[in-house]
PDB file of N, CA and C in Angstrom:
ATOM      1  N   MET A   1       2.068   9.408   9.441  1.00  0.00           N
ATOM      2  CA  MET A   1       0.905   9.181   9.045  1.00  0.00           C
ATOM      3  C   MET A   1      -0.397   9.986   8.486  1.00  0.00           C
ATOM      4  N   GLU A   2      -0.928   9.184   7.793  1.00  0.00           N
ATOM      5  CA  GLU A   2      -2.561   9.823   7.271  1.00  0.00           C
ATOM      6  C   GLU A   2      -3.536   8.634   7.463  1.00  0.00           C
ATOM      7  N   GLY A   3      -4.139   8.835   8.522  1.00  0.00           N
ATOM      8  CA  GLY A   3      -5.266   7.641   8.615  1.00  0.00           C
ATOM      9  C   GLY A   3      -4.439   6.607   9.132  1.00  0.00           C
ATOM     10  N   ASN A   4      -4.969   5.457   7.995  1.00  0.00           N
ATOM     11  CA  ASN A   4      -4.456   3.718   8.238  1.00  0.00           C
ATOM     12  C   ASN A   4      -2.966   4.066   7.430  1.00  0.00           C
ATOM     13  N   ALA A   5      -2.502   5.334   6.656  1.00  0.00           N
ATOM     14  CA  ALA A   5      -1.467   5.018   5.957  1.00  0.00           C
ATOM     15  C   ALA A   5      -0.437   5.343   6.456  1.00  0.00           C
ATOM     16  N   THR A   6       0.850   4.813   6.176  1.00  0.00           N
ATOM     17  CA  THR A   6       2.201   5.154   6.708  1.00  0.00           C
ATOM     18  C   THR A   6       3.268   4.942   5.885  1.00  0.00           C
ATOM     19  N   PHE A   7       3.801   6.864   5.868  1.00  0.00           N
ATOM     20  CA  PHE A   7       4.752   6.888   4.920  1.00  0.00           C
ATOM     21  C   PHE A   7       6.154   7.288   5.614  1.00  0.00           C
ATOM     22  N   VAL A   8       7.006   6.745   5.112  1.00  0.00           N
ATOM     23  CA  VAL A   8       8.139   6.802   5.751  1.00  0.00           C
ATOM     24  C   VAL A   8       9.532   7.501   4.749  1.00  0.00           C
ATOM     25  N   THR A   9      10.336   8.104   5.288  1.00  0.00           N
ATOM     26  CA  THR A   9      11.302   8.656   3.975  1.00  0.00           C
ATOM     27  C   THR A   9      12.544   8.715   5.308  1.00  0.00           C
ATOM     28  N   TRP A  10      13.534   7.876   4.370  1.00  0.00           N
ATOM     29  CA  TRP A  10      15.102   7.067   5.056  1.00  0.00           C
ATOM     30  C   TRP A  10      16.096   8.365   4.618  1.00  0.00           C
ATOM     31  N   VAL A  11      16.651   9.300   5.590  1.00  0.00           N
ATOM     32  CA  VAL A  11      17.438   9.901   4.919  1.00  0.00           C
ATOM     33  C   VAL A  11      18.944   9.458   5.097  1.00  0.00           C
ATOM     34  N   ILE A  12      19.877   9.558   4.008  1.00  0.00           N
ATOM     35  CA  ILE A  12      20.957   8.127   4.306  1.00  0.00           C
ATOM     36  C   ILE A  12      22.041   9.202   3.337  1.00  0.00           C
ATOM     37  N   ARG A  13      23.437   9.944   4.589  1.00  0.00           N
ATOM     38  CA  ARG A  13      24.619  10.347   3.455  1.00  0.00           C
ATOM     39  C   ARG A  13      25.595   9.185   4.014  1.00  0.00           C
ATOM     40  N   ILE A  14      26.031   9.115   2.838  1.00  0.00           N
ATOM     41  CA  ILE A  14      27.595   8.616   2.764  1.00  0.00           C
ATOM     42  C   ILE A  14      28.436   9.410   2.090  1.00  0.00           C
ATOM     43  N   ALA A  15      29.539   9.309   2.752  1.00  0.00           N
ATOM     44  CA  ALA A  15      30.910   9.993   2.111  1.00  0.00           C
ATOM     45  C   ALA A  15      32.222   8.545   1.766  1.00  0.00           C
ATOM     46  N   ALA A  16      32.953   8.851   0.807  1.00  0.00           N
ATOM     47  CA  ALA A  16      33.488   7.619   0.526  1.00  0.00           C
ATOM     48  C   ALA A  16      34.602   8.421  -0.152  1.00  0.00           C
ATOM     49  N   THR A  17      35.818   7.660  -0.326  1.00  0.00           N
ATOM     50  CA  THR A  17      37.094   7.957  -1.154  1.00  0.00           C
ATOM     51  C   THR A  17      37.301   7.450  -2.502  1.00  0.00           C
ATOM     52  N   ILE A  18      37.806   8.209  -3.258  1.00  0.00           N
ATOM     53  CA  ILE A  18      38.681   7.093  -4.095  1.00  0.00           C
ATOM     54  C   ILE A  18      40.172   7.822  -4.185  1.00  0.00           C
ATOM     55  N   ASP A  19      40.891   6.949  -4.248  1.00  0.00           N
ATOM     56  CA  ASP A  19      42.170   6.951  -4.077  1.00  0.00           C
ATOM     57  C   ASP A  19      43.032   6.128  -5.248  1.00  0.00           C
ATOM     58  N   GLU A  20      43.515   7.418  -5.613  1.00  0.00           N
ATOM     59  CA  GLU A  20      44.269   7.509  -7.301  1.00  0.00           C
ATOM     60  C   GLU A  20      46.020   7.438  -7.017  1.00  0.00           C
ATOM     61  N   ILE A  21      46.212   6.284  -7.799  1.00  0.00           N
ATOM     62  CA  ILE A  21      48.054   6.785  -7.758  1.00  0.00           C
ATOM     63  C   ILE A  21      48.216   6.728  -9.177  1.00  0.00           C
ATOM     64  N   THR A  22      49.488   7.777  -9.545  1.00  0.00           N
ATOM     65  CA  THR A  22      49.892   7.872 -10.860  1.00  0.00           C
ATOM     66  C   THR A  22      50.624   6.955 -11.457  1.00  0.00           C
ATOM     67  N   VAL A  23      50.672   6.357 -12.425  1.00  0.00           N
ATOM     68  CA  VAL A  23      51.164   4.742 -13.046  1.00  0.00           C
ATOM     69  C   VAL A  23      51.471   5.100 -14.111  1.00  0.00           C
ATOM     70  N   HIS A  24      51.157   6.300 -14.949  1.00  0.00           N
ATOM     71  CA  HIS A  24      51.631   6.816 -16.145  1.00  0.00           C
ATOM     72  C   HIS A  24      51.395   8.422 -16.835  1.00  0.00           C
ATOM     73  N   ALA A  25      52.981   8.741 -17.124  1.00  0.00           N
ATOM     74  CA  ALA A  25      52.756  10.010 -16.744  1.00  0.00           C
ATOM     75  C   ALA A  25      51.971  10.722 -17.780  1.00  0.00           C
ATOM     76  N   THR A  26      51.032  10.028 -18.677  1.00  0.00           N
ATOM     77  CA  THR A  26      50.446  10.649 -19.651  1.00  0.00           C
ATOM     78  C   THR A  26      48.971  10.559 -19.591  1.00  0.00           C
ATOM     79  N   LEU A  27      48.680   9.904 -18.204  1.00  0.00           N
ATOM     80  CA  LEU A  27      47.422   9.995 -17.901  1.00  0.00           C
ATOM     81  C   LEU A  27      46.923  10.952 -16.708  1.00  0.00           C
ATOM     82  N   GLU A  28      45.463  11.561 -17.225  1.00  0.00           N
ATOM     83  CA  GLU A  28      45.421  12.580 -16.545  1.00  0.00           C
ATOM     84  C   GLU A  28      44.328  12.188 -15.523  1.00  0.00           C
ATOM     85  N   PRO A  29      44.003  13.283 -14.407  1.00  0.00           N
ATOM     86  CA  PRO A  29      43.117  12.941 -13.281  1.00  0.00           C
ATOM     87  C   PRO A  29      41.495  12.734 -13.550  1.00  0.00           C
ATOM     88  N   LEU A  30      41.271  11.795 -13.176  1.00  0.00           N
ATOM     89  CA  LEU A  30      39.827  11.527 -13.112  1.00  0.00           C
ATOM     90  C   LEU A  30      38.550  12.205 -13.448  1.00  0.00           C
ATOM     91  N   GLY A  31      38.862  13.327 -12.385  1.00  0.00           N
ATOM     92  CA  GLY A  31      38.248  14.684 -12.643  1.00  0.00           C
ATOM     93  C   GLY A  31      36.692  14.340 -12.313  1.00  0.00           C
ATOM     94  N   ALA A  32      35.889  15.708 -12.267  1.00  0.00           N
ATOM     95  CA  ALA A  32      34.827  15.732 -11.622  1.00  0.00           C
ATOM     96  C   ALA A  32      33.832  14.926 -12.183  1.00  0.00           C
ATOM     97  N   GLU A  33      33.486  14.898 -13.833  1.00  0.00           N
ATOM     98  CA  GLU A  33      33.001  14.111 -14.232  1.00  0.00           C
ATOM     99  C   GLU A  33      32.467  12.525 -14.241  1.00  0.00           C
ATOM    100  N   LEU A  34      33.671  11.867 -14.059  1.00  0.00           N
ATOM    101  CA  LEU A  34      33.937  10.678 -13.680  1.00  0.00           C
ATOM    102  C   LEU A  34      33.313  10.550 -12.351  1.00  0.00           C
ATOM    103  N   GLU A  35      33.654  11.341 -11.212  1.00  0.00           N
ATOM    104  CA  GLU A  35      32.731  11.164  -9.758  1.00  0.00           C
ATOM    105  C   GLU A  35      31.546  11.357  -9.727  1.00  0.00           C
ATOM    106  N   ARG A  36      30.961  12.552 -10.661  1.00  0.00           N
ATOM    107  CA  ARG A  36      29.419  12.626 -10.868  1.00  0.00           C
ATOM    108  C   ARG A  36      28.675  11.306 -11.478  1.00  0.00           C
ATOM    109  N   ASP A  37      29.110  10.815 -12.077  1.00  0.00           N
ATOM    110  CA  ASP A  37      28.863   9.598 -12.906  1.00  0.00           C
ATOM    111  C   ASP A  37      29.058   7.979 -11.528  1.00  0.00           C
ATOM    112  N   VAL A  38      29.881   8.223 -10.551  1.00  0.00           N
ATOM    113  CA  VAL A  38      29.913   7.325  -9.863  1.00  0.00           C
ATOM    114  C   VAL A  38      29.278   7.824  -8.584  1.00  0.00           C
ATOM    115  N   VAL A  39      29.301   8.817  -8.483  1.00  0.00           N
ATOM    116  CA  VAL A  39      27.942   9.159  -7.466  1.00  0.00           C
ATOM    117  C   VAL A  39      26.471   9.014  -7.769  1.00  0.00           C
ATOM    118  N   ALA A  40      26.162   9.018  -8.858  1.00  0.00           N
ATOM    119  CA  ALA A  40      25.125   8.998  -9.733  1.00  0.00           C
ATOM    120  C   ALA A  40      24.762   7.710  -9.718  1.00  0.00           C
ATOM    121  N   THR A  41      25.537   6.507 -10.282  1.00  0.00           N
ATOM    122  CA  THR A  41      25.657   4.990 -10.258  1.00  0.00           C
ATOM    123  C   THR A  41      25.234   4.572  -8.963  1.00  0.00           C
ATOM    124  N   ALA A  42      26.102   5.296  -7.780  1.00  0.00           N
ATOM    125  CA  ALA A  42      25.846   4.366  -6.485  1.00  0.00           C
ATOM    126  C   ALA A  42      24.677   4.798  -6.009  1.00  0.00           C
ATOM    127  N   GLN A  43      24.366   6.093  -6.209  1.00  0.00           N
ATOM    128  CA  GLN A  43      22.859   6.444  -5.595  1.00  0.00           C
ATOM    129  C   GLN A  43      21.908   5.824  -5.851  1.00  0.00           C
ATOM    130  N   GLU A  44      21.962   5.525  -7.194  1.00  0.00           N
ATOM    131  CA  GLU A  44      20.748   4.768  -7.889  1.00  0.00           C
ATOM    132  C   GLU A  44      20.745   3.088  -7.779  1.00  0.00           C
ATOM    133  N   GLU A  45      22.303   2.660  -7.659  1.00  0.00           N
ATOM    134  CA  GLU A  45      22.251   1.188  -7.454  1.00  0.00           C
ATOM    135  C   GLU A  45      21.613   1.175  -5.903  1.00  0.00           C
ATOM    136  N   LEU A  46      22.008   1.988  -4.882  1.00  0.00           N
ATOM    137  CA  LEU A  46      21.974   1.775  -3.611  1.00  0.00           C
ATOM    138  C   LEU A  46      20.181   2.112  -3.050  1.00  0.00           C
ATOM    139  N   GLY A  47      19.660   2.993  -3.831  1.00  0.00           N
ATOM    140  CA  GLY A  47      18.240   3.382  -3.955  1.00  0.00           C
ATOM    141  C   GLY A  47      17.608   2.047  -4.271  1.00  0.00           C
ATOM    142  N   SER A  48      18.191   1.619  -5.163  1.00  0.00           N
ATOM    143  CA  SER A  48      17.222  -0.052  -5.953  1.00  0.00           C
ATOM    144  C   SER A  48      17.153  -1.051  -5.070  1.00  0.00           C
ATOM    145  N   LEU A  49      18.413  -1.162  -4.330  1.00  0.00           N
ATOM    146  CA  LEU A  49      18.614  -2.351  -3.303  1.00  0.00           C
ATOM    147  C   LEU A  49      17.723  -2.088  -2.518  1.00  0.00           C
ATOM    148  N   LEU A  50      17.824  -0.952  -1.796  1.00  0.00           N
ATOM    149  CA  LEU A  50      17.302  -0.665  -0.703  1.00  0.00           C
ATOM    150  C   LEU A  50      15.400  -0.727  -0.686  1.00  0.00           C
ATOM    151  N   ALA A  51      15.212  -0.322  -1.872  1.00  0.00           N
ATOM    152  CA  ALA A  51      13.817  -0.717  -2.209  1.00  0.00           C
ATOM    153  C   ALA A  51      13.291  -1.634  -2.513  1.00  0.00           C
ATOM    154  N   ARG A  52      14.282  -3.159  -3.278  1.00  0.00           N
ATOM    155  CA  ARG A  52      14.117  -4.256  -2.982  1.00  0.00           C
ATOM    156  C   ARG A  52      13.797  -4.901  -2.473  1.00  0.00           C
ATOM    157  N   SER A  53      14.984  -4.762  -1.127  1.00  0.00           N
ATOM    158  CA  SER A  53      15.416  -5.212   0.108  1.00  0.00           C
ATOM    159  C   SER A  53      13.728  -5.168   0.846  1.00  0.00           C
ATOM    160  N   MET A  54      13.027  -3.699   0.885  1.00  0.00           N
ATOM    161  CA  MET A  54      12.143  -3.014   1.576  1.00  0.00           C
ATOM    162  C   MET A  54      11.099  -4.082   1.030  1.00  0.00           C
ATOM    163  N   GLY A  55      10.565  -4.436  -0.146  1.00  0.00           N
ATOM    164  CA  GLY A  55       9.730  -5.436  -0.777  1.00  0.00           C
ATOM    165  C   GLY A  55       9.485  -6.451  -0.349  1.00  0.00           C
ATOM    166  N   LYS A  56      10.793  -6.786  -0.458  1.00  0.00           N
ATOM    167  CA  LYS A  56      10.785  -8.553   0.192  1.00  0.00           C
ATOM    168  C   LYS A  56      10.621  -8.663   1.378  1.00  0.00           C
ATOM    169  N   LEU A  57      10.710  -7.658   2.372  1.00  0.00           N
ATOM    170  CA  LEU A  57      10.349  -7.830   3.470  1.00  0.00           C
ATOM    171  C   LEU A  57       9.000  -7.636   3.912  1.00  0.00           C
ATOM    172  N   GLN A  58       8.470  -6.514   3.197  1.00  0.00           N
ATOM    173  CA  GLN A  58       6.954  -6.411   3.469  1.00  0.00           C
ATOM    174  C   GLN A  58       6.304  -7.801   2.968  1.00  0.00           C
ATOM    175  N   GLU A  59       6.447  -8.237   1.456  1.00  0.00           N
ATOM    176  CA  GLU A  59       6.284  -9.354   1.046  1.00  0.00           C
ATOM    177  C   GLU A  59       6.151 -10.822   2.374  1.00  0.00           C
ATOM    178  N   LEU A  60       7.469 -10.482   3.061  1.00  0.00           N
ATOM    179  CA  LEU A  60       7.334 -11.607   3.497  1.00  0.00           C
ATOM    180  C   LEU A  60       6.733 -11.222   4.996  1.00  0.00           C
ATOM    181  N   ARG A  61       6.390  -9.805   5.446  1.00  0.00           N
ATOM    182  CA  ARG A  61       5.338  -9.670   6.372  1.00  0.00           C
ATOM    183  C   ARG A  61       6.244  -9.711   7.610  1.00  0.00           C
ATOM    184  N   SER A  62       7.656  -9.167   7.427  1.00  0.00           N
ATOM    185  CA  SER A  62       8.561  -9.206   8.467  1.00  0.00           C
ATOM    186  C   SER A  62       9.149  -7.677   8.707  1.00  0.00           C
ATOM    187  N   ASP A  63       9.612  -7.559   9.722  1.00  0.00           N
ATOM    188  CA  ASP A  63       9.749  -6.221  10.005  1.00  0.00           C
ATOM    189  C   ASP A  63      11.037  -6.107  11.246  1.00  0.00           C
ATOM    190  N   PRO A  64      12.000  -6.848  10.627  1.00  0.00           N
ATOM    191  CA  PRO A  64      13.347  -6.528  11.122  1.00  0.00           C
ATOM    192  C   PRO A  64      14.153  -5.559  11.392  1.00  0.00           C
ATOM    193  N   ILE A  65      13.499  -4.656  10.270  1.00  0.00           N
ATOM    194  CA  ILE A  65      14.087  -3.133  11.379  1.00  0.00           C
ATOM    195  C   ILE A  65      13.042  -2.320  12.260  1.00  0.00           C
ATOM    196  N   LYS A  66      12.682  -2.780  12.663  1.00  0.00           N
ATOM    197  CA  LYS A  66      11.749  -2.276  13.611  1.00  0.00           C
ATOM    198  C   LYS A  66      10.839  -1.012  13.610  1.00  0.00           C
ATOM    199  N   LEU A  67      10.389  -1.059  11.842  1.00  0.00           N
ATOM    200  CA  LEU A  67       9.821   0.388  11.792  1.00  0.00           C
ATOM    201  C   LEU A  67       8.312   0.511  12.530  1.00  0.00           C
ATOM    202  N   GLY A  68       7.801  -0.497  12.988  1.00  0.00           N
ATOM    203  CA  GLY A  68       6.889  -0.633  13.965  1.00  0.00           C
ATOM    204  C   GLY A  68       7.097   0.516  15.166  1.00  0.00           C
ATOM    205  N   ARG A  69       8.061   0.166  16.171  1.00  0.00           N
ATOM    206  CA  ARG A  69       8.673   0.442  17.092  1.00  0.00           C
ATOM    207  C   ARG A  69       8.351   1.997  16.862  1.00  0.00           C
ATOM    208  N   SER A  70       8.436   2.746  15.728  1.00  0.00           N
ATOM    209  CA  SER A  70       8.777   4.226  15.076  1.00  0.00           C
ATOM    210  C   SER A  70       7.650   4.473  15.110  1.00  0.00           C
ATOM    211  N   VAL A  71       6.369   3.775  14.487  1.00  0.00           N
ATOM    212  CA  VAL A  71       5.391   3.989  14.162  1.00  0.00           C
ATOM    213  C   VAL A  71       4.341   3.978  15.567  1.00  0.00           C
ATOM    214  N   HIS A  72       4.683   3.126  16.664  1.00  0.00           N
ATOM    215  CA  HIS A  72       3.606   3.035  17.661  1.00  0.00           C
ATOM    216  C   HIS A  72       3.518   4.531  18.489  1.00  0.00           C
ATOM    217  N   MET A  73       4.846   5.554  18.448  1.00  0.00           N
ATOM    218  CA  MET A  73       4.661   6.327  19.138  1.00  0.00           C
ATOM    219  C   MET A  73       3.978   7.277  18.643  1.00  0.00           C
ATOM    220  N   LYS A  74       3.434   7.109  17.377  1.00  0.00           N
ATOM    221  CA  LYS A  74       2.656   8.395  16.837  1.00  0.00           C
ATOM    222  C   LYS A  74       0.928   7.743  17.880  1.00  0.00           C
ATOM    223  N   PHE A  75       1.043   6.955  18.591  1.00  0.00           N
ATOM    224  CA  PHE A  75      -0.244   6.690  19.124  1.00  0.00           C
ATOM    225  C   PHE A  75      -0.617   7.256  20.294  1.00  0.00           C
ATOM    226  N   ALA A  76      -1.746   7.794  20.940  1.00  0.00           N
ATOM    227  CA  ALA A  76      -1.749   8.265  22.171  1.00  0.00           C
ATOM    228  C   ALA A  76      -1.549   7.022  23.233  1.00  0.00           C
ATOM    229  N   THR A  77      -2.255   5.987  23.012  1.00  0.00           N
ATOM    230  CA  THR A  77      -2.864   4.787  23.900  1.00  0.00           C
ATOM    231  C   THR A  77      -2.515   3.493  23.248  1.00  0.00           C
ATOM    232  N   TYR A  78      -1.960   2.556  23.981  1.00  0.00           N
ATOM    233  CA  TYR A  78      -1.904   1.147  23.279  1.00  0.00           C
ATOM    234  C   TYR A  78      -3.061   0.631  22.656  1.00  0.00           C
ATOM    235  N   PRO A  79      -4.495   0.577  23.389  1.00  0.00           N
ATOM    236  CA  PRO A  79      -5.559   0.362  22.657  1.00  0.00           C
ATOM    237  C   PRO A  79      -5.690   0.996  21.342  1.00  0.00           C
ATOM    238  N   GLU A  80      -5.373   1.747  21.367  1.00  0.00           N
ATOM    239  CA  GLU A  80      -5.484   2.332  19.429  1.00  0.00           C
ATOM    240  C   GLU A  80      -4.062   2.035  18.790  1.00  0.00           C
ATOM    241  N   TRP A  81      -3.094   1.930  19.347  1.00  0.00           N
ATOM    242  CA  TRP A  81      -1.980   1.121  18.676  1.00  0.00           C
ATOM    243  C   TRP A  81      -2.195  -0.380  18.203  1.00  0.00           C
ATOM    244  N   GLU A  82      -2.960  -1.293  19.486  1.00  0.00           N
ATOM    245  CA  GLU A  82      -3.312  -2.511  19.204  1.00  0.00           C
ATOM    246  C   GLU A  82      -4.763  -2.508  17.718  1.00  0.00           C
ATOM    247  N   GLN A  83      -5.280  -1.769  17.885  1.00  0.00           N
ATOM    248  CA  GLN A  83      -6.466  -1.495  17.066  1.00  0.00           C
ATOM    249  C   GLN A  83      -5.865  -1.075  15.217  1.00  0.00           C
ATOM    250  N   PHE A  84      -4.717  -0.428  15.324  1.00  0.00           N
ATOM    251  CA  PHE A  84      -4.352  -0.174  14.258  1.00  0.00           C
ATOM    252  C   PHE A  84      -3.519  -1.423  13.387  1.00  0.00           C
ATOM    253  N   TYR A  85      -2.935  -2.553  14.021  1.00  0.00           N
ATOM    254  CA  TYR A  85      -2.730  -3.608  14.028  1.00  0.00           C
ATOM    255  C   TYR A  85      -1.560  -3.654  12.987  1.00  0.00           C
ATOM    256  N   TRP A  86      -0.255  -3.292  13.655  1.00  0.00           N
ATOM    257  CA  TRP A  86       0.844  -3.023  12.646  1.00  0.00           C
ATOM    258  C   TRP A  86       1.498  -4.012  11.327  1.00  0.00           C
ATOM    259  N   PRO A  87       1.004  -5.719  11.971  1.00  0.00           N
ATOM    260  CA  PRO A  87       1.053  -6.521  11.010  1.00  0.00           C
ATOM    261  C   PRO A  87       0.430  -6.118   9.829  1.00  0.00           C
ATOM    262  N   ASP A  88      -1.008  -5.825   9.865  1.00  0.00           N
ATOM    263  CA  ASP A  88      -1.420  -5.789   8.535  1.00  0.00           C
ATOM    264  C   ASP A  88      -1.268  -4.632   7.810  1.00  0.00           C
ATOM    265  N   ARG A  89      -0.721  -3.545   8.420  1.00  0.00           N
ATOM    266  CA  ARG A  89      -0.227  -2.112   7.560  1.00  0.00           C
ATOM    267  C   ARG A  89       1.040  -2.425   7.344  1.00  0.00           C
ATOM    268  N   PHE A  90       2.116  -3.427   7.890  1.00  0.00           N
ATOM    269  CA  PHE A  90       3.579  -2.774   7.340  1.00  0.00           C
ATOM    270  C   PHE A  90       3.388  -3.170   5.711  1.00  0.00           C
ATOM    271  N   PRO A  91       2.961  -4.145   5.346  1.00  0.00           N
ATOM    272  CA  PRO A  91       3.179  -4.451   4.163  1.00  0.00           C
ATOM    273  C   PRO A  91       2.579  -3.421   3.046  1.00  0.00           C
ATOM    274  N   GLU A  92       1.600  -2.378   3.662  1.00  0.00           N
ATOM    275  CA  GLU A  92       1.501  -1.123   2.652  1.00  0.00           C
ATOM    276  C   GLU A  92       2.001  -0.176   3.232  1.00  0.00           C
ATOM    277  N   VAL A  93       3.319   0.310   3.624  1.00  0.00           N
ATOM    278  CA  VAL A  93       3.907   1.309   4.047  1.00  0.00           C
ATOM    279  C   VAL A  93       4.337   1.643   2.437  1.00  0.00           C
ATOM    280  N   LYS A  94       4.210   3.043   2.527  1.00  0.00           N
ATOM    281  CA  LYS A  94       4.516   3.693   1.170  1.00  0.00           C
ATOM    282  C   LYS A  94       6.429   4.356   1.344  1.00  0.00           C
ATOM    283  N   TYR A  95       7.398   4.087   1.072  1.00  0.00           N
ATOM    284  CA  TYR A  95       8.786   4.636   1.855  1.00  0.00           C
ATOM    285  C   TYR A  95       9.053   4.986   0.418  1.00  0.00           C
ATOM    286  N   GLU A  96      10.546   5.835   0.695  1.00  0.00           N
ATOM    287  CA  GLU A  96      11.366   6.228  -0.182  1.00  0.00           C
ATOM    288  C   GLU A  96      12.867   6.647   0.638  1.00  0.00           C
ATOM    289  N   PHE A  97      13.795   6.563  -0.677  1.00  0.00           N
ATOM    290  CA  PHE A  97      15.006   6.868   0.158  1.00  0.00           C
ATOM    291  C   PHE A  97      15.559   8.234  -0.258  1.00  0.00           C
ATOM    292  N   ASP A  98      16.026   9.294   0.651  1.00  0.00           N
ATOM    293  CA  ASP A  98      16.631  10.369   0.038  1.00  0.00           C
ATOM    294  C   ASP A  98      18.267  10.067   0.800  1.00  0.00           C
ATOM    295  N   ILE A  99      18.986   9.551  -0.402  1.00  0.00           N
ATOM    296  CA  ILE A  99      19.917   9.105  -0.933  1.00  0.00           C
ATOM    297  C   ILE A  99      21.300  10.158  -1.299  1.00  0.00           C
ATOM    298  N   THR A 100      22.297  10.666  -0.520  1.00  0.00           N
ATOM    299  CA  THR A 100      23.567  11.498  -0.718  1.00  0.00           C
ATOM    300  C   THR A 100      24.396  11.098  -0.797  1.00  0.00           C
ATOM    301  N   ILE A 101      25.629  10.595  -1.516  1.00  0.00           N
ATOM    302  CA  ILE A 101      27.107  10.376  -1.473  1.00  0.00           C
ATOM    303  C   ILE A 101      27.747  11.433  -2.307  1.00  0.00           C
ATOM    304  N   HIS A 102      28.805  11.777  -1.288  1.00  0.00           N
ATOM    305  CA  HIS A 102      30.264  12.705  -1.106  1.00  0.00           C
ATOM    306  C   HIS A 102      31.429  11.809  -1.486  1.00  0.00           C
ATOM    307  N   ILE A 103      32.176  11.882  -2.779  1.00  0.00           N
ATOM    308  CA  ILE A 103      32.985  11.238  -2.878  1.00  0.00           C
ATOM    309  C   ILE A 103      34.228  12.073  -2.772  1.00  0.00           C
ATOM    310  N   LEU A 104      35.291  11.963  -1.877  1.00  0.00           N
ATOM    311  CA  LEU A 104      36.619  12.467  -1.882  1.00  0.00           C
ATOM    312  C   LEU A 104      37.943  12.262  -2.811  1.00  0.00           C
ATOM    313  N   ASN A 105      38.315  12.750  -4.073  1.00  0.00           N
ATOM    314  CA  ASN A 105      39.148  12.078  -5.084  1.00  0.00           C
ATOM    315  C   ASN A 105      40.597  12.899  -4.252  1.00  0.00           C
ATOM    316  N   THR A 106      41.877  11.891  -4.243  1.00  0.00           N
ATOM    317  CA  THR A 106      42.712  12.372  -3.688  1.00  0.00           C
ATOM    318  C   THR A 106      43.459  13.496  -4.878  1.00  0.00           C
ATOM    319  N   GLY A 107      43.197  13.279  -5.877  1.00  0.00           N
ATOM    320  CA  GLY A 107      43.338  13.531  -7.701  1.00  0.00           C
ATOM    321  C   GLY A 107      44.408  13.387  -8.292  1.00  0.00           C
ATOM    322  N   PHE A 108      45.207  12.251  -7.754  1.00  0.00           N
ATOM    323  CA  PHE A 108      45.847  11.033  -8.081  1.00  0.00           C
ATOM    324  C   PHE A 108      45.277  10.273  -9.165  1.00  0.00           C
ATOM    325  N   VAL A 109      46.150   9.729 -10.716  1.00  0.00           N
ATOM    326  CA  VAL A 109      45.324   8.868 -11.412  1.00  0.00           C
ATOM    327  C   VAL A 109      46.027   7.464 -10.997  1.00  0.00           C
ATOM    328  N   TYR A 110      44.980   6.428 -11.186  1.00  0.00           N
ATOM    329  CA  TYR A 110      45.573   5.027 -11.249  1.00  0.00           C
ATOM    330  C   TYR A 110      44.800   4.361 -12.593  1.00  0.00           C
ATOM    331  N   ARG A 111      44.925   3.717 -12.780  1.00  0.00           N
ATOM    332  CA  ARG A 111      44.618   2.791 -13.958  1.00  0.00           C
ATOM    333  C   ARG A 111      45.920   1.596 -14.150  1.00  0.00           C
ATOM    334  N   HIS A 112      45.011   0.325 -14.751  1.00  0.00           N
ATOM    335  CA  HIS A 112      45.952  -0.199 -15.154  1.00  0.00           C
ATOM    336  C   HIS A 112      47.315  -0.037 -16.451  1.00  0.00           C
ATOM    337  N   PRO A 113      47.817  -0.491 -16.541  1.00  0.00           N
ATOM    338  CA  PRO A 113      48.926   0.088 -17.446  1.00  0.00           C
ATOM    339  C   PRO A 113      48.407  -0.686 -18.952  1.00  0.00           C
ATOM    340  N   TYR A 114      48.546   0.319 -19.961  1.00  0.00           N
ATOM    341  CA  TYR A 114      47.914  -0.201 -21.337  1.00  0.00           C
ATOM    342  C   TYR A 114      48.667  -1.361 -21.989  1.00  0.00           C
ATOM    343  N   PRO A 115      48.597  -2.306 -22.668  1.00  0.00           N
ATOM    344  CA  PRO A 115      49.468  -3.543 -22.724  1.00  0.00           C
ATOM    345  C   PRO A 115      50.166  -3.050 -24.009  1.00  0.00           C
ATOM    346  N   ARG A 116      51.662  -3.385 -23.934  1.00  0.00           N
ATOM    347  CA  ARG A 116      52.232  -2.959 -25.060  1.00  0.00           C
ATOM    348  C   ARG A 116      52.559  -3.674 -26.233  1.00  0.00           C
TER     349      ARG A 116
END
């Protein structure tokens, strides 16, 4: 917190797997390049979804994530917290998401067979 401004950073870590099965002898493993693309896309999509969700909550002035419960711990007394008046501050919260996704790859290849 800085004065009446509240800044929040959510740190999100996710691990996922890509299971691949060889369906054709000529197919090569998907490789690190695809993994990087999948991770980058997933991080962007998740960040965008979370930002839109947070923006909508702020528009509706609804705090179902109980962010105010964390913020109120920054105040020494209850009267200070009441004076801060969280319902008016919540729509002005500045936020960011620190998202890191790791993908574990089995190394086998699965793609739909090519039409004959």
